[in-house]
Amino acid sequence: MDMDDDRRLARARTFDEIAELYDHVRPYYREELFDDLFDYAGIAPSAARILEIGPGPGRATEPLARRGAEIVGIELGANLARIARDKLSRFQRVRIVNANFETWEPDGLFDIVFAATAWHWIDPKRRYALAGRALRPGGVLAFAQGTHAFPPDVDPFFLQIQDAYLKIGLPWPGPWPPPPPEEMRDSCAEIAASGLFEDVQAIRSLWTAEYDADSHVALMSTASDHRLLEESKREYLFSEMRRLIAARPGRRITKHELMVLHLARKR
């Protein structure tokens, strides 16, 4: 379900307020994501002109740049754009533009329009048309959607902490308990319904990451819905996270992450 425009924009802007923390704690994207992208596109990375929507501090931009692609990144946040420029300055074929993708005018056509977990911040009524106008005929739209997954062996911590989320009025955004990773909804039908793209695919990847209390709280401090909580509610939630993790063997938790890469070709 898409959020209303005001809340979507408010949440999207929270990342720039904590740009340094975001850059410090958010992980890089797995190389398999880019392997799948270029396998589908059928184009060598060094020959690809890519428009990246919402590069943030460059977590996906840098792996793409290392593969030799030409990249124009459109980043809404001035602080995030500055960090990305500094980190990517050694790549001569990368340009970071501090602008709103929804009002930015493309400077030519691109082989690939790509968004790594930023697609849902773009106006759902316009995002496919905006991407389509920036693509050459036959060009590729690619966007990744990451989510916390709940397979049968999910760490019990993530079931226990839901009581704290309910207490502060921040319930799980969907049915509870969530469906298994293979049944999580993708956006293929939405892409097809736009009428602008064909050969629509979704590639799913599931992996795990370990966190101690400090690293998990730091990561959740960069989540937009957590950033917009009242301070007292946020502090209570984080204290409950620390309490539950402290009671775990080794004081660590294991989180399952699901990444769904959507791929489609412009008609």
Foldseek 3Di string as FASTA:
>chain_A
DADDLVLLVLLLALCLVPLVLCVVQDAADDPVLVVVVCVVLVDQLLPFEEEEEACFLNSPPVVSLVSNHQYEYEHQHPNSLVNNCVVCVVRPRYHYHHDHLVPDDAPAAGQEYEYEQCQSSDDLVCSLVSNLVRHDAFHKYKYKHKDFFDAVPAWCLVVVLQVLCVVQPNHDPDDPPDDGPVPDDDCQVVNVVVVFWDPKDKDKDKDKDKDALVSVLSVVCSRSVLVPGDPVSSVSSSVSSNVVLVPDVVSMGMTMMMMIMIMTTTD
